[in-house]
């Protein structure tokens, strides 16, 4: 899952990026409101962590521009403790959640996972597809209750497809959302990664939509 971090304090942004990496996310940093607005409007992200106290173009203006442009990416806003009026205005502008500073990184990751689940139509930390269960808190996959050992890359691929179950996902989208920005990637690397996941989970779990990408079916009764 690819996350945009819009935070002008570089040390905080880097700390968040490091924690997200350890939690299985791919992240990109913008250090200004203008750059964040541009990236969020021209590239695909699964969620945005947006600081409101940005210079030149503040976070609230960034959020309002995105929503006016039809950009529906989930947004978790960061704001100074006690600025309740900013938080209210943020919700009214289309924010999905907020976190006051200072905050614990564990809560940031938990809130981020929650808005990602909601955006994919799930409410619980465990998302089931057929006999498989994706535990977003533990970053683990189970088949009929038995754990399956996946590498971090394999987990990110399966997690992204599960969060977009019922949708055909292109190789380019998987490249953008599974690999880090500086990682050398290609269609061949995605094919190899899908092949490894199939070897562990079974060939029928991930369908190939020739010429379009890959699909995990939305099973009846699954959240």
C-alpha atoms as a PDB file:
ATOM      1  CA  UNK A   1       0.000   0.000   0.000  1.00  0.00           C
ATOM      2  CA  UNK A   2       1.414   3.350  -1.096  1.00  0.00           C
ATOM      3  CA  UNK A   3       1.163   6.263   1.340  1.00  0.00           C
ATOM      4  CA  UNK A   4       1.891   9.960   0.733  1.00  0.00           C
ATOM      5  CA  UNK A   5       3.318  11.804   3.758  1.00  0.00           C
ATOM      6  CA  UNK A   6       2.884  15.590   3.534  1.00  0.00           C
ATOM      7  CA  UNK A   7       4.883  17.012   6.437  1.00  0.00           C
ATOM      8  CA  UNK A   8       7.241  20.004   6.351  1.00  0.00           C
ATOM      9  CA  UNK A   9       9.351  18.864   9.328  1.00  0.00           C
ATOM     10  CA  UNK A  10      11.755  16.492   7.616  1.00  0.00           C
ATOM     11  CA  UNK A  11      12.775  14.607  10.751  1.00  0.00           C
ATOM     12  CA  UNK A  12       9.131  13.825  11.580  1.00  0.00           C
ATOM     13  CA  UNK A  13       8.424  12.847   7.978  1.00  0.00           C
ATOM     14  CA  UNK A  14      11.404  10.489   7.908  1.00  0.00           C
ATOM     15  CA  UNK A  15      10.393   8.946  11.244  1.00  0.00           C
ATOM     16  CA  UNK A  16       6.881   8.312   9.910  1.00  0.00           C
ATOM     17  CA  UNK A  17       8.277   6.826   6.691  1.00  0.00           C
ATOM     18  CA  UNK A  18      10.536   4.465   8.661  1.00  0.00           C
ATOM     19  CA  UNK A  19       7.681   3.288  10.856  1.00  0.00           C
ATOM     20  CA  UNK A  20       5.409   2.770   7.842  1.00  0.00           C
ATOM     21  CA  UNK A  21       8.108   0.757   6.087  1.00  0.00           C
ATOM     22  CA  UNK A  22       8.394  -1.517   9.132  1.00  0.00           C
ATOM     23  CA  UNK A  23       4.589  -1.863   9.083  1.00  0.00           C
ATOM     24  CA  UNK A  24       4.584  -3.060   5.476  1.00  0.00           C
ATOM     25  CA  UNK A  25       3.794   0.172   3.636  1.00  0.00           C
ATOM     26  CA  UNK A  26       5.511   1.979   0.779  1.00  0.00           C
ATOM     27  CA  UNK A  27       5.692   5.727   1.374  1.00  0.00           C
ATOM     28  CA  UNK A  28       6.700   8.943  -0.345  1.00  0.00           C
ATOM     29  CA  UNK A  29       7.403  12.281   1.329  1.00  0.00           C
ATOM     30  CA  UNK A  30       6.383  15.798   0.341  1.00  0.00           C
ATOM     31  CA  UNK A  31       7.874  18.610   2.416  1.00  0.00           C
ATOM     32  CA  UNK A  32       5.520  21.373   1.254  1.00  0.00           C
ATOM     33  CA  UNK A  33       1.824  21.844   0.675  1.00  0.00           C
ATOM     34  CA  UNK A  34       2.314  22.722  -2.990  1.00  0.00           C
ATOM     35  CA  UNK A  35       4.368  19.602  -3.706  1.00  0.00           C
ATOM     36  CA  UNK A  36       1.949  17.436  -1.736  1.00  0.00           C
ATOM     37  CA  UNK A  37      -1.050  18.861  -3.591  1.00  0.00           C
ATOM     38  CA  UNK A  38       0.637  18.191  -6.942  1.00  0.00           C
ATOM     39  CA  UNK A  39       1.692  14.625  -6.102  1.00  0.00           C
ATOM     40  CA  UNK A  40      -1.657  13.765  -4.552  1.00  0.00           C
ATOM     41  CA  UNK A  41      -3.460  15.050  -7.614  1.00  0.00           C
ATOM     42  CA  UNK A  42      -1.278  13.453 -10.277  1.00  0.00           C
ATOM     43  CA  UNK A  43      -0.180  10.137  -8.733  1.00  0.00           C
ATOM     44  CA  UNK A  44      -2.097   7.251  -7.169  1.00  0.00           C
ATOM     45  CA  UNK A  45      -1.831   6.705  -3.422  1.00  0.00           C
ATOM     46  CA  UNK A  46      -3.839   4.463  -1.127  1.00  0.00           C
ATOM     47  CA  UNK A  47      -3.901   7.086   1.636  1.00  0.00           C
ATOM     48  CA  UNK A  48      -2.373  10.415   2.646  1.00  0.00           C
ATOM     49  CA  UNK A  49      -0.981  11.556   5.984  1.00  0.00           C
ATOM     50  CA  UNK A  50      -1.412  15.324   5.838  1.00  0.00           C
ATOM     51  CA  UNK A  51      -0.067  17.893   8.290  1.00  0.00           C
ATOM     52  CA  UNK A  52      -2.275  20.985   8.497  1.00  0.00           C
ATOM     53  CA  UNK A  53       0.489  23.378   9.558  1.00  0.00           C
ATOM     54  CA  UNK A  54       2.288  23.599   6.219  1.00  0.00           C
ATOM     55  CA  UNK A  55       3.965  26.775   4.894  1.00  0.00           C
ATOM     56  CA  UNK A  56       2.728  28.614   1.768  1.00  0.00           C
ATOM     57  CA  UNK A  57      -0.139  26.221   1.026  1.00  0.00           C
ATOM     58  CA  UNK A  58      -1.580  24.904   4.285  1.00  0.00           C
ATOM     59  CA  UNK A  59      -2.879  21.375   4.656  1.00  0.00           C
ATOM     60  CA  UNK A  60      -6.526  22.386   4.822  1.00  0.00           C
ATOM     61  CA  UNK A  61      -6.229  24.197   1.476  1.00  0.00           C
ATOM     62  CA  UNK A  62      -4.515  21.121   0.001  1.00  0.00           C
ATOM     63  CA  UNK A  63      -7.360  18.903   1.185  1.00  0.00           C
ATOM     64  CA  UNK A  64     -10.047  21.269  -0.150  1.00  0.00           C
ATOM     65  CA  UNK A  65      -8.336  21.388  -3.545  1.00  0.00           C
ATOM     66  CA  UNK A  66      -8.141  17.595  -3.758  1.00  0.00           C
ATOM     67  CA  UNK A  67     -11.807  17.180  -2.901  1.00  0.00           C
ATOM     68  CA  UNK A  68     -12.847  19.923  -5.347  1.00  0.00           C
ATOM     69  CA  UNK A  69     -10.859  18.079  -8.035  1.00  0.00           C
ATOM     70  CA  UNK A  70     -12.672  14.830  -7.254  1.00  0.00           C
ATOM     71  CA  UNK A  71      -9.685  13.216  -5.514  1.00  0.00           C
ATOM     72  CA  UNK A  72     -11.190  10.759  -3.020  1.00  0.00           C
ATOM     73  CA  UNK A  73      -8.005   9.298  -1.505  1.00  0.00           C
ATOM     74  CA  UNK A  74      -8.417   8.657   2.259  1.00  0.00           C
ATOM     75  CA  UNK A  75      -6.720  11.410   4.301  1.00  0.00           C
ATOM     76  CA  UNK A  76      -5.451  11.256   7.878  1.00  0.00           C
ATOM     77  CA  UNK A  77      -4.723  14.775   9.072  1.00  0.00           C
ATOM     78  CA  UNK A  78      -2.141  15.771  11.680  1.00  0.00           C
ATOM     79  CA  UNK A  79      -2.758  18.889  13.725  1.00  0.00           C
ATOM     80  CA  UNK A  80      -1.443  20.579  16.857  1.00  0.00           C
ATOM     81  CA  UNK A  81      -3.026  19.435  20.097  1.00  0.00           C
ATOM     82  CA  UNK A  82      -5.940  21.668  21.063  1.00  0.00           C
ATOM     83  CA  UNK A  83      -6.706  23.026  17.584  1.00  0.00           C
ATOM     84  CA  UNK A  84     -10.202  21.540  17.670  1.00  0.00           C
ATOM     85  CA  UNK A  85     -11.535  24.155  15.231  1.00  0.00           C
ATOM     86  CA  UNK A  86      -9.005  23.011  12.602  1.00  0.00           C
ATOM     87  CA  UNK A  87     -10.027  19.413  13.154  1.00  0.00           C
ATOM     88  CA  UNK A  88     -13.710  20.235  12.683  1.00  0.00           C
ATOM     89  CA  UNK A  89     -12.935  22.198   9.534  1.00  0.00           C
ATOM     90  CA  UNK A  90     -10.781  19.312   8.325  1.00  0.00           C
ATOM     91  CA  UNK A  91     -13.624  16.829   8.710  1.00  0.00           C
ATOM     92  CA  UNK A  92     -15.998  19.189   6.948  1.00  0.00           C
ATOM     93  CA  UNK A  93     -13.486  19.510   4.105  1.00  0.00           C
ATOM     94  CA  UNK A  94     -13.391  15.742   3.636  1.00  0.00           C
ATOM     95  CA  UNK A  95     -10.775  14.312   6.033  1.00  0.00           C
ATOM     96  CA  UNK A  96     -11.266  10.693   7.084  1.00  0.00           C
ATOM     97  CA  UNK A  97      -9.555  10.906  10.473  1.00  0.00           C
ATOM     98  CA  UNK A  98      -7.236  13.144  12.493  1.00  0.00           C
ATOM     99  CA  UNK A  99      -4.405  12.691  14.956  1.00  0.00           C
ATOM    100  CA  UNK A 100      -3.239  15.480  17.274  1.00  0.00           C
ATOM    101  CA  UNK A 101       0.472  16.136  17.780  1.00  0.00           C
ATOM    102  CA  UNK A 102       2.391  14.822  19.630  1.00  0.00           C
ATOM    103  CA  UNK A 103       1.279  11.281  18.858  1.00  0.00           C
ATOM    104  CA  UNK A 104       2.526   7.738  19.237  1.00  0.00           C
ATOM    105  CA  UNK A 105       3.574   6.042  16.033  1.00  0.00           C
ATOM    106  CA  UNK A 106       1.613   2.922  17.013  1.00  0.00           C
ATOM    107  CA  UNK A 107      -1.604   4.959  16.991  1.00  0.00           C
ATOM    108  CA  UNK A 108      -0.715   6.538  13.646  1.00  0.00           C
ATOM    109  CA  UNK A 109      -0.267   3.097  12.059  1.00  0.00           C
ATOM    110  CA  UNK A 110      -3.482   1.796  13.673  1.00  0.00           C
ATOM    111  CA  UNK A 111      -5.527   4.745  12.420  1.00  0.00           C
ATOM    112  CA  UNK A 112      -3.988   4.467   8.961  1.00  0.00           C
ATOM    113  CA  UNK A 113      -4.852   0.779   8.747  1.00  0.00           C
ATOM    114  CA  UNK A 114      -8.402   1.546   9.882  1.00  0.00           C
ATOM    115  CA  UNK A 115      -9.084   4.139   7.161  1.00  0.00           C
ATOM    116  CA  UNK A 116      -7.558   1.822   4.551  1.00  0.00           C
ATOM    117  CA  UNK A 117      -9.889  -0.979   5.663  1.00  0.00           C
ATOM    118  CA  UNK A 118     -12.908   1.318   5.559  1.00  0.00           C
ATOM    119  CA  UNK A 119     -11.996   2.546   2.091  1.00  0.00           C
ATOM    120  CA  UNK A 120     -11.924  -1.068   0.870  1.00  0.00           C
ATOM    121  CA  UNK A 121     -15.287  -1.899   2.452  1.00  0.00           C
ATOM    122  CA  UNK A 122     -13.995  -3.718   5.545  1.00  0.00           C
ATOM    123  CA  UNK A 123     -14.332  -2.747   9.185  1.00  0.00           C
ATOM    124  CA  UNK A 124     -12.456  -5.454  11.113  1.00  0.00           C
ATOM    125  CA  UNK A 125      -8.656  -5.876  11.130  1.00  0.00           C
ATOM    126  CA  UNK A 126      -9.060  -9.341   9.588  1.00  0.00           C
ATOM    127  CA  UNK A 127     -10.255  -9.491   5.985  1.00  0.00           C
ATOM    128  CA  UNK A 128     -11.399 -12.872   4.669  1.00  0.00           C
ATOM    129  CA  UNK A 129     -11.427 -13.979   1.042  1.00  0.00           C
ATOM    130  CA  UNK A 130     -12.511 -17.589   0.619  1.00  0.00           C
ATOM    131  CA  UNK A 131     -10.416 -19.769   2.940  1.00  0.00           C
ATOM    132  CA  UNK A 132      -7.783 -17.032   3.356  1.00  0.00           C
ATOM    133  CA  UNK A 133      -7.619 -14.393   6.074  1.00  0.00           C
ATOM    134  CA  UNK A 134      -5.478 -11.281   5.882  1.00  0.00           C
ATOM    135  CA  UNK A 135      -4.628 -10.013   9.373  1.00  0.00           C
ATOM    136  CA  UNK A 136      -3.723  -6.354   8.801  1.00  0.00           C
ATOM    137  CA  UNK A 137      -2.550  -5.861  12.393  1.00  0.00           C
ATOM    138  CA  UNK A 138      -0.135  -8.794  12.470  1.00  0.00           C
ATOM    139  CA  UNK A 139       0.727  -8.484   8.748  1.00  0.00           C
ATOM    140  CA  UNK A 140       0.114 -12.198   8.353  1.00  0.00           C
ATOM    141  CA  UNK A 141      -1.923 -14.447   6.067  1.00  0.00           C
ATOM    142  CA  UNK A 142      -3.796 -17.571   7.157  1.00  0.00           C
ATOM    143  CA  UNK A 143      -5.381 -20.378   5.150  1.00  0.00           C
ATOM    144  CA  UNK A 144      -8.147 -22.135   7.104  1.00  0.00           C
ATOM    145  CA  UNK A 145      -6.522 -20.813  10.270  1.00  0.00           C
ATOM    146  CA  UNK A 146      -3.038 -22.029   9.403  1.00  0.00           C
ATOM    147  CA  UNK A 147      -0.337 -19.347   8.994  1.00  0.00           C
ATOM    148  CA  UNK A 148       1.340 -18.948   5.604  1.00  0.00           C
ATOM    149  CA  UNK A 149       4.903 -17.636   5.593  1.00  0.00           C
ATOM    150  CA  UNK A 150       5.174 -14.726   3.161  1.00  0.00           C
ATOM    151  CA  UNK A 151       8.069 -12.340   2.638  1.00  0.00           C
ATOM    152  CA  UNK A 152       7.344  -8.606   3.142  1.00  0.00           C
ATOM    153  CA  UNK A 153       7.069  -8.114  -0.645  1.00  0.00           C
ATOM    154  CA  UNK A 154       4.767 -11.101  -1.040  1.00  0.00           C
ATOM    155  CA  UNK A 155       2.598  -9.830   1.816  1.00  0.00           C
ATOM    156  CA  UNK A 156       2.354  -6.348   0.285  1.00  0.00           C
ATOM    157  CA  UNK A 157       1.261  -7.803  -3.048  1.00  0.00           C
ATOM    158  CA  UNK A 158      -1.396 -10.049  -1.524  1.00  0.00           C
ATOM    159  CA  UNK A 159      -2.582  -7.301   0.841  1.00  0.00           C
ATOM    160  CA  UNK A 160      -2.981  -4.805  -2.001  1.00  0.00           C
ATOM    161  CA  UNK A 161      -4.981  -7.270  -4.098  1.00  0.00           C
ATOM    162  CA  UNK A 162      -7.173  -8.183  -1.115  1.00  0.00           C
ATOM    163  CA  UNK A 163      -7.877  -4.506  -0.362  1.00  0.00           C
ATOM    164  CA  UNK A 164      -8.883  -4.172  -4.040  1.00  0.00           C
ATOM    165  CA  UNK A 165     -10.693  -7.502  -4.237  1.00  0.00           C
ATOM    166  CA  UNK A 166     -13.165  -7.685  -7.064  1.00  0.00           C
ATOM    167  CA  UNK A 167     -11.088  -5.225  -9.104  1.00  0.00           C
ATOM    168  CA  UNK A 168      -8.557  -5.962 -11.829  1.00  0.00           C
ATOM    169  CA  UNK A 169      -5.239  -4.393 -10.830  1.00  0.00           C
ATOM    170  CA  UNK A 170      -2.679  -3.586 -13.533  1.00  0.00           C
ATOM    171  CA  UNK A 171       0.994  -4.520 -13.335  1.00  0.00           C
ATOM    172  CA  UNK A 172       1.876  -0.814 -13.337  1.00  0.00           C
ATOM    173  CA  UNK A 173      -0.346  -0.180 -10.319  1.00  0.00           C
ATOM    174  CA  UNK A 174       1.226  -3.107  -8.486  1.00  0.00           C
ATOM    175  CA  UNK A 175       4.676  -1.777  -9.337  1.00  0.00           C
ATOM    176  CA  UNK A 176       3.760   1.628  -7.900  1.00  0.00           C
ATOM    177  CA  UNK A 177       2.079   0.342  -4.745  1.00  0.00           C
ATOM    178  CA  UNK A 178       4.190  -2.692  -3.802  1.00  0.00           C
ATOM    179  CA  UNK A 179       7.755  -1.531  -4.458  1.00  0.00           C
ATOM    180  CA  UNK A 180       9.601   1.387  -2.869  1.00  0.00           C
ATOM    181  CA  UNK A 181      10.262   4.399  -5.085  1.00  0.00           C
ATOM    182  CA  UNK A 182      13.976   3.650  -5.503  1.00  0.00           C
ATOM    183  CA  UNK A 183      13.488  -0.075  -6.082  1.00  0.00           C
ATOM    184  CA  UNK A 184      14.270  -1.358  -9.564  1.00  0.00           C
ATOM    185  CA  UNK A 185      11.036  -2.837 -10.880  1.00  0.00           C
ATOM    186  CA  UNK A 186       9.482  -4.117 -14.082  1.00  0.00           C
ATOM    187  CA  UNK A 187       6.527  -6.125 -15.357  1.00  0.00           C
ATOM    188  CA  UNK A 188       8.762  -9.197 -15.131  1.00  0.00           C
ATOM    189  CA  UNK A 189       9.434  -8.581 -11.436  1.00  0.00           C
ATOM    190  CA  UNK A 190       5.690  -8.381 -10.739  1.00  0.00           C
ATOM    191  CA  UNK A 191       5.109 -11.608 -12.678  1.00  0.00           C
ATOM    192  CA  UNK A 192       7.824 -13.335 -10.646  1.00  0.00           C
ATOM    193  CA  UNK A 193       6.332 -12.015  -7.398  1.00  0.00           C
ATOM    194  CA  UNK A 194       2.836 -13.213  -8.338  1.00  0.00           C
ATOM    195  CA  UNK A 195       4.303 -16.599  -9.231  1.00  0.00           C
ATOM    196  CA  UNK A 196       5.934 -16.900  -5.786  1.00  0.00           C
ATOM    197  CA  UNK A 197       2.700 -15.984  -4.016  1.00  0.00           C
ATOM    198  CA  UNK A 198       0.780 -18.551  -6.059  1.00  0.00           C
ATOM    199  CA  UNK A 199       3.305 -21.212  -5.108  1.00  0.00           C
ATOM    200  CA  UNK A 200       2.502 -20.562  -1.444  1.00  0.00           C
ATOM    201  CA  UNK A 201      -1.255 -19.863  -1.645  1.00  0.00           C
ATOM    202  CA  UNK A 202      -2.349 -21.839  -4.698  1.00  0.00           C
ATOM    203  CA  UNK A 203      -2.652 -20.957  -8.377  1.00  0.00           C
ATOM    204  CA  UNK A 204      -6.376 -20.164  -8.251  1.00  0.00           C
ATOM    205  CA  UNK A 205      -6.111 -17.455  -5.583  1.00  0.00           C
ATOM    206  CA  UNK A 206      -4.858 -14.758  -7.978  1.00  0.00           C
ATOM    207  CA  UNK A 207      -6.444 -14.706 -11.416  1.00  0.00           C
ATOM    208  CA  UNK A 208      -4.650 -13.351 -14.476  1.00  0.00           C
ATOM    209  CA  UNK A 209      -6.747 -11.005 -16.612  1.00  0.00           C
ATOM    210  CA  UNK A 210      -4.693 -11.155 -19.796  1.00  0.00           C
ATOM    211  CA  UNK A 211      -3.785  -7.723 -21.079  1.00  0.00           C
ATOM    212  CA  UNK A 212      -5.202  -6.038 -17.967  1.00  0.00           C
ATOM    213  CA  UNK A 213      -3.581  -7.367 -14.798  1.00  0.00           C
ATOM    214  CA  UNK A 214      -4.490  -9.506 -11.793  1.00  0.00           C
ATOM    215  CA  UNK A 215      -7.646 -10.121  -9.793  1.00  0.00           C
ATOM    216  CA  UNK A 216      -8.718 -11.609  -6.467  1.00  0.00           C
ATOM    217  CA  UNK A 217     -12.425 -12.298  -6.625  1.00  0.00           C
ATOM    218  CA  UNK A 218     -14.807 -10.746  -4.131  1.00  0.00           C
ATOM    219  CA  UNK A 219     -16.336 -13.773  -2.408  1.00  0.00           C
ATOM    220  CA  UNK A 220     -19.969 -13.700  -1.269  1.00  0.00           C
ATOM    221  CA  UNK A 221     -20.346 -12.634   2.327  1.00  0.00           C
ATOM    222  CA  UNK A 222     -16.800 -11.318   2.639  1.00  0.00           C
ATOM    223  CA  UNK A 223     -16.137  -7.949   4.281  1.00  0.00           C
END
